[in-house]
Amino acid sequence: MATPLTVDHWPPSPVRTSRLVLRAPEARDRAAFLDLGTDDEVNRHLGGGRDRATLDAELPAVPADRPGQFVVEHDGVFAGWVGLGRRDPSRPGAYHPDLELSYVTPLSAWGHGYATEAAAAVLAWSDAVLGEPVVLCTQSSNVRSLALAGRL
């Protein structure tokens, strides 16, 4: 079982960048999470989009409702999700004890730099609040994610 992320005060005030607002997930984000989770292109390097009915049955009323998880908004519109968590040792892939940065954005947000801006803001937040090492794991075939990692 993964060690949960511990944050003294959650949710925090929204994190603001020059273009984005990062805030704790809310029930109103559920439809956007369903869209993200079922999109084959968005999830190409994550095993593909899930069946919508199955995901709908499994997704809680407030998706990603735990410390370290942020919804990304641009001009009040859902532009993705970025979060920190600890990898469950039973999950496939290399295990590491550090916090792991994860992110997913809808196709409409690709190519605008939102993921880089949001991830940098979460890393700065993490540095100030948690002060722990953070890793980013991705597949070598995911050139967009590799490029984002390089920018960070």
C-alpha atoms as a PDB file:
ATOM      1  CA  MET A   1       0.000   0.000   0.000  1.00  0.00           C
ATOM      2  CA  ALA A   2       1.285   3.465  -0.871  1.00  0.00           C
ATOM      3  CA  THR A   3       2.114   5.920   1.894  1.00  0.00           C
ATOM      4  CA  PRO A   4      -0.467   8.728   1.739  1.00  0.00           C
ATOM      5  CA  LEU A   5       0.608  12.313   1.233  1.00  0.00           C
ATOM      6  CA  THR A   6       0.329  14.273   4.463  1.00  0.00           C
ATOM      7  CA  VAL A   7      -0.398  17.987   4.304  1.00  0.00           C
ATOM      8  CA  ASP A   8      -1.160  20.046   7.412  1.00  0.00           C
ATOM      9  CA  HIS A   9      -3.783  22.253   5.778  1.00  0.00           C
ATOM     10  CA  TRP A  10      -5.814  20.926   2.881  1.00  0.00           C
ATOM     11  CA  PRO A  11      -7.235  22.235   0.689  1.00  0.00           C
ATOM     12  CA  PRO A  12      -4.917  25.203   0.339  1.00  0.00           C
ATOM     13  CA  SER A  13      -5.862  28.533  -1.143  1.00  0.00           C
ATOM     14  CA  PRO A  14      -5.829  28.281  -4.926  1.00  0.00           C
ATOM     15  CA  VAL A  15      -2.382  28.463  -6.483  1.00  0.00           C
ATOM     16  CA  ARG A  16      -2.273  31.125  -9.171  1.00  0.00           C
ATOM     17  CA  THR A  17       0.129  31.529 -12.061  1.00  0.00           C
ATOM     18  CA  SER A  18       0.084  34.185 -14.756  1.00  0.00           C
ATOM     19  CA  ARG A  19      -2.589  32.243 -16.704  1.00  0.00           C
ATOM     20  CA  LEU A  20      -3.863  29.444 -14.502  1.00  0.00           C
ATOM     21  CA  VAL A  21      -5.645  28.704 -11.258  1.00  0.00           C
ATOM     22  CA  LEU A  22      -4.835  25.429  -9.501  1.00  0.00           C
ATOM     23  CA  ARG A  23      -7.414  24.416  -6.917  1.00  0.00           C
ATOM     24  CA  ALA A  24      -8.642  21.398  -5.034  1.00  0.00           C
ATOM     25  CA  PRO A  25     -11.032  19.175  -7.031  1.00  0.00           C
ATOM     26  CA  GLU A  26     -14.768  19.684  -6.611  1.00  0.00           C
ATOM     27  CA  ALA A  27     -17.893  17.738  -7.569  1.00  0.00           C
ATOM     28  CA  ARG A  28     -18.381  20.030 -10.596  1.00  0.00           C
ATOM     29  CA  ASP A  29     -15.163  18.577 -12.099  1.00  0.00           C
ATOM     30  CA  ARG A  30     -16.522  15.043 -12.355  1.00  0.00           C
ATOM     31  CA  ALA A  31     -17.687  15.285 -15.990  1.00  0.00           C
ATOM     32  CA  ALA A  32     -14.285  16.649 -17.047  1.00  0.00           C
ATOM     33  CA  PHE A  33     -12.531  13.772 -15.247  1.00  0.00           C
ATOM     34  CA  LEU A  34     -14.827  11.330 -17.051  1.00  0.00           C
ATOM     35  CA  ASP A  35     -13.903  12.939 -20.374  1.00  0.00           C
ATOM     36  CA  LEU A  36     -10.187  12.751 -19.514  1.00  0.00           C
ATOM     37  CA  GLY A  37     -10.346   9.148 -18.393  1.00  0.00           C
ATOM     38  CA  THR A  38     -12.202   7.916 -21.468  1.00  0.00           C
ATOM     39  CA  ASP A  39     -10.215   9.751 -24.163  1.00  0.00           C
ATOM     40  CA  ASP A  40      -8.024   7.263 -26.067  1.00  0.00           C
ATOM     41  CA  GLU A  41      -5.582   9.889 -27.336  1.00  0.00           C
ATOM     42  CA  VAL A  42      -5.119  11.540 -23.934  1.00  0.00           C
ATOM     43  CA  ASN A  43      -4.492   8.110 -22.396  1.00  0.00           C
ATOM     44  CA  ARG A  44      -2.417   6.619 -25.220  1.00  0.00           C
ATOM     45  CA  HIS A  45       0.615   6.211 -22.919  1.00  0.00           C
ATOM     46  CA  LEU A  46      -1.500   5.274 -19.906  1.00  0.00           C
ATOM     47  CA  GLY A  47      -3.107   2.142 -21.286  1.00  0.00           C
ATOM     48  CA  GLY A  48      -5.832   3.823 -23.357  1.00  0.00           C
ATOM     49  CA  GLY A  49      -9.129   5.397 -22.473  1.00  0.00           C
ATOM     50  CA  ARG A  50     -11.420   3.518 -20.146  1.00  0.00           C
ATOM     51  CA  ASP A  51     -14.988   2.482 -20.836  1.00  0.00           C
ATOM     52  CA  ARG A  52     -17.171   5.449 -19.848  1.00  0.00           C
ATOM     53  CA  ALA A  53     -19.873   3.432 -18.055  1.00  0.00           C
ATOM     54  CA  THR A  54     -17.275   1.541 -16.008  1.00  0.00           C
ATOM     55  CA  LEU A  55     -15.382   4.708 -15.107  1.00  0.00           C
ATOM     56  CA  ASP A  56     -18.635   6.496 -14.274  1.00  0.00           C
ATOM     57  CA  ALA A  57     -19.537   3.708 -11.845  1.00  0.00           C
ATOM     58  CA  GLU A  58     -16.095   3.814 -10.175  1.00  0.00           C
ATOM     59  CA  LEU A  59     -15.362   7.549 -10.092  1.00  0.00           C
ATOM     60  CA  PRO A  60     -16.229   9.200  -6.782  1.00  0.00           C
ATOM     61  CA  ALA A  61     -18.487  12.242  -6.616  1.00  0.00           C
ATOM     62  CA  VAL A  62     -15.378  14.399  -6.162  1.00  0.00           C
ATOM     63  CA  PRO A  63     -12.565  12.880  -8.243  1.00  0.00           C
ATOM     64  CA  ALA A  64      -8.974  13.081  -6.969  1.00  0.00           C
ATOM     65  CA  ASP A  65     -10.235  14.430  -3.648  1.00  0.00           C
ATOM     66  CA  ARG A  66      -7.063  14.073  -1.581  1.00  0.00           C
ATOM     67  CA  PRO A  67      -4.098  16.215  -0.577  1.00  0.00           C
ATOM     68  CA  GLY A  68      -1.705  17.153  -3.361  1.00  0.00           C
ATOM     69  CA  GLN A  69      -4.254  16.934  -6.192  1.00  0.00           C
ATOM     70  CA  PHE A  70      -5.093  20.053  -8.195  1.00  0.00           C
ATOM     71  CA  VAL A  71      -7.564  20.882 -10.941  1.00  0.00           C
ATOM     72  CA  VAL A  72      -6.078  23.258 -13.497  1.00  0.00           C
ATOM     73  CA  GLU A  73      -8.281  26.038 -14.860  1.00  0.00           C
ATOM     74  CA  HIS A  74      -7.597  28.562 -17.608  1.00  0.00           C
ATOM     75  CA  ASP A  75     -10.090  31.434 -17.776  1.00  0.00           C
ATOM     76  CA  GLY A  76     -12.472  29.393 -15.606  1.00  0.00           C
ATOM     77  CA  VAL A  77     -12.384  26.368 -17.935  1.00  0.00           C
ATOM     78  CA  PHE A  78     -11.058  22.933 -16.919  1.00  0.00           C
ATOM     79  CA  ALA A  79      -7.581  22.556 -18.431  1.00  0.00           C
ATOM     80  CA  GLY A  80      -6.413  19.402 -16.677  1.00  0.00           C
ATOM     81  CA  TRP A  81      -5.293  17.817 -13.479  1.00  0.00           C
ATOM     82  CA  VAL A  82      -1.873  17.787 -11.824  1.00  0.00           C
ATOM     83  CA  GLY A  83      -0.980  16.075  -8.599  1.00  0.00           C
ATOM     84  CA  LEU A  84       1.564  14.642  -6.245  1.00  0.00           C
ATOM     85  CA  GLY A  85       1.350  11.195  -4.739  1.00  0.00           C
ATOM     86  CA  ARG A  86       3.371   8.194  -3.700  1.00  0.00           C
ATOM     87  CA  ARG A  87       3.566   5.204  -6.002  1.00  0.00           C
ATOM     88  CA  ASP A  88       1.978   2.055  -4.702  1.00  0.00           C
ATOM     89  CA  PRO A  89       4.794  -0.541  -4.588  1.00  0.00           C
ATOM     90  CA  SER A  90       2.437  -3.140  -6.084  1.00  0.00           C
ATOM     91  CA  ARG A  91       1.895  -1.018  -9.233  1.00  0.00           C
ATOM     92  CA  PRO A  92       3.815  -2.014 -12.345  1.00  0.00           C
ATOM     93  CA  GLY A  93       6.987  -0.061 -13.040  1.00  0.00           C
ATOM     94  CA  ALA A  94       9.942   1.008 -10.986  1.00  0.00           C
ATOM     95  CA  TYR A  95       9.208   1.720  -7.346  1.00  0.00           C
ATOM     96  CA  HIS A  96      10.659   4.777  -5.635  1.00  0.00           C
ATOM     97  CA  PRO A  97       9.816   6.237  -2.217  1.00  0.00           C
ATOM     98  CA  ASP A  98       9.731   9.867  -3.413  1.00  0.00           C
ATOM     99  CA  LEU A  99       6.689  11.909  -4.298  1.00  0.00           C
ATOM    100  CA  GLU A 100       5.702  11.486  -7.926  1.00  0.00           C
ATOM    101  CA  LEU A 101       4.367  14.302 -10.094  1.00  0.00           C
ATOM    102  CA  SER A 102       1.521  13.300 -12.418  1.00  0.00           C
ATOM    103  CA  TYR A 103      -0.593  15.273 -14.857  1.00  0.00           C
ATOM    104  CA  VAL A 104      -3.238  14.810 -17.518  1.00  0.00           C
ATOM    105  CA  THR A 105      -4.674  17.480 -19.786  1.00  0.00           C
ATOM    106  CA  PRO A 106      -7.490  17.350 -22.325  1.00  0.00           C
ATOM    107  CA  LEU A 107      -6.585  17.592 -26.003  1.00  0.00           C
ATOM    108  CA  SER A 108      -7.958  21.146 -26.045  1.00  0.00           C
ATOM    109  CA  ALA A 109      -5.184  22.153 -23.606  1.00  0.00           C
ATOM    110  CA  TRP A 110      -2.301  20.571 -25.529  1.00  0.00           C
ATOM    111  CA  GLY A 111       0.301  22.863 -27.020  1.00  0.00           C
ATOM    112  CA  HIS A 112      -0.458  25.889 -24.829  1.00  0.00           C
ATOM    113  CA  GLY A 113       2.133  25.271 -22.100  1.00  0.00           C
ATOM    114  CA  TYR A 114      -0.509  24.756 -19.431  1.00  0.00           C
ATOM    115  CA  ALA A 115       0.920  21.440 -18.210  1.00  0.00           C
ATOM    116  CA  THR A 116       4.397  22.928 -17.823  1.00  0.00           C
ATOM    117  CA  GLU A 117       3.057  26.009 -16.049  1.00  0.00           C
ATOM    118  CA  ALA A 118       0.819  23.966 -13.751  1.00  0.00           C
ATOM    119  CA  ALA A 119       3.489  21.373 -12.960  1.00  0.00           C
ATOM    120  CA  ALA A 120       6.042  24.092 -12.158  1.00  0.00           C
ATOM    121  CA  ALA A 121       3.508  25.728  -9.826  1.00  0.00           C
ATOM    122  CA  VAL A 122       2.809  22.429  -8.050  1.00  0.00           C
ATOM    123  CA  LEU A 123       6.541  21.784  -7.681  1.00  0.00           C
ATOM    124  CA  ALA A 124       6.998  25.247  -6.147  1.00  0.00           C
ATOM    125  CA  TRP A 125       4.025  24.603  -3.838  1.00  0.00           C
ATOM    126  CA  SER A 126       5.502  21.232  -2.872  1.00  0.00           C
ATOM    127  CA  ASP A 127       8.899  22.773  -2.198  1.00  0.00           C
ATOM    128  CA  ALA A 128       7.360  25.374   0.112  1.00  0.00           C
ATOM    129  CA  VAL A 129       4.889  23.065   1.887  1.00  0.00           C
ATOM    130  CA  LEU A 130       6.430  19.582   1.808  1.00  0.00           C
ATOM    131  CA  GLY A 131      10.143  20.060   1.127  1.00  0.00           C
ATOM    132  CA  GLU A 132      10.581  16.538  -0.263  1.00  0.00           C
ATOM    133  CA  PRO A 133      12.181  15.233  -3.456  1.00  0.00           C
ATOM    134  CA  VAL A 134       9.765  14.824  -6.355  1.00  0.00           C
ATOM    135  CA  VAL A 135      10.204  12.550  -9.362  1.00  0.00           C
ATOM    136  CA  LEU A 136       8.427  12.429 -12.694  1.00  0.00           C
ATOM    137  CA  CYS A 137       8.059   9.047 -14.387  1.00  0.00           C
ATOM    138  CA  THR A 138       6.981   8.587 -17.982  1.00  0.00           C
ATOM    139  CA  GLN A 139       7.375   6.175 -20.854  1.00  0.00           C
ATOM    140  CA  SER A 140      10.262   6.807 -23.225  1.00  0.00           C
ATOM    141  CA  SER A 141       7.762   6.726 -26.108  1.00  0.00           C
ATOM    142  CA  ASN A 142       5.823   9.648 -24.618  1.00  0.00           C
ATOM    143  CA  VAL A 143       7.828  12.419 -26.274  1.00  0.00           C
ATOM    144  CA  ARG A 144       5.473  15.192 -25.080  1.00  0.00           C
ATOM    145  CA  SER A 145       5.867  14.134 -21.461  1.00  0.00           C
ATOM    146  CA  LEU A 146       9.630  13.751 -21.853  1.00  0.00           C
ATOM    147  CA  ALA A 147       9.822  17.284 -23.259  1.00  0.00           C
ATOM    148  CA  LEU A 148       7.745  18.594 -20.350  1.00  0.00           C
ATOM    149  CA  ALA A 149      10.054  16.842 -17.887  1.00  0.00           C
ATOM    150  CA  GLY A 150      13.036  18.473 -19.587  1.00  0.00           C
ATOM    151  CA  ARG A 151      11.449  21.924 -19.250  1.00  0.00           C
ATOM    152  CA  LEU A 152      10.830  21.380 -15.552  1.00  0.00           C
END
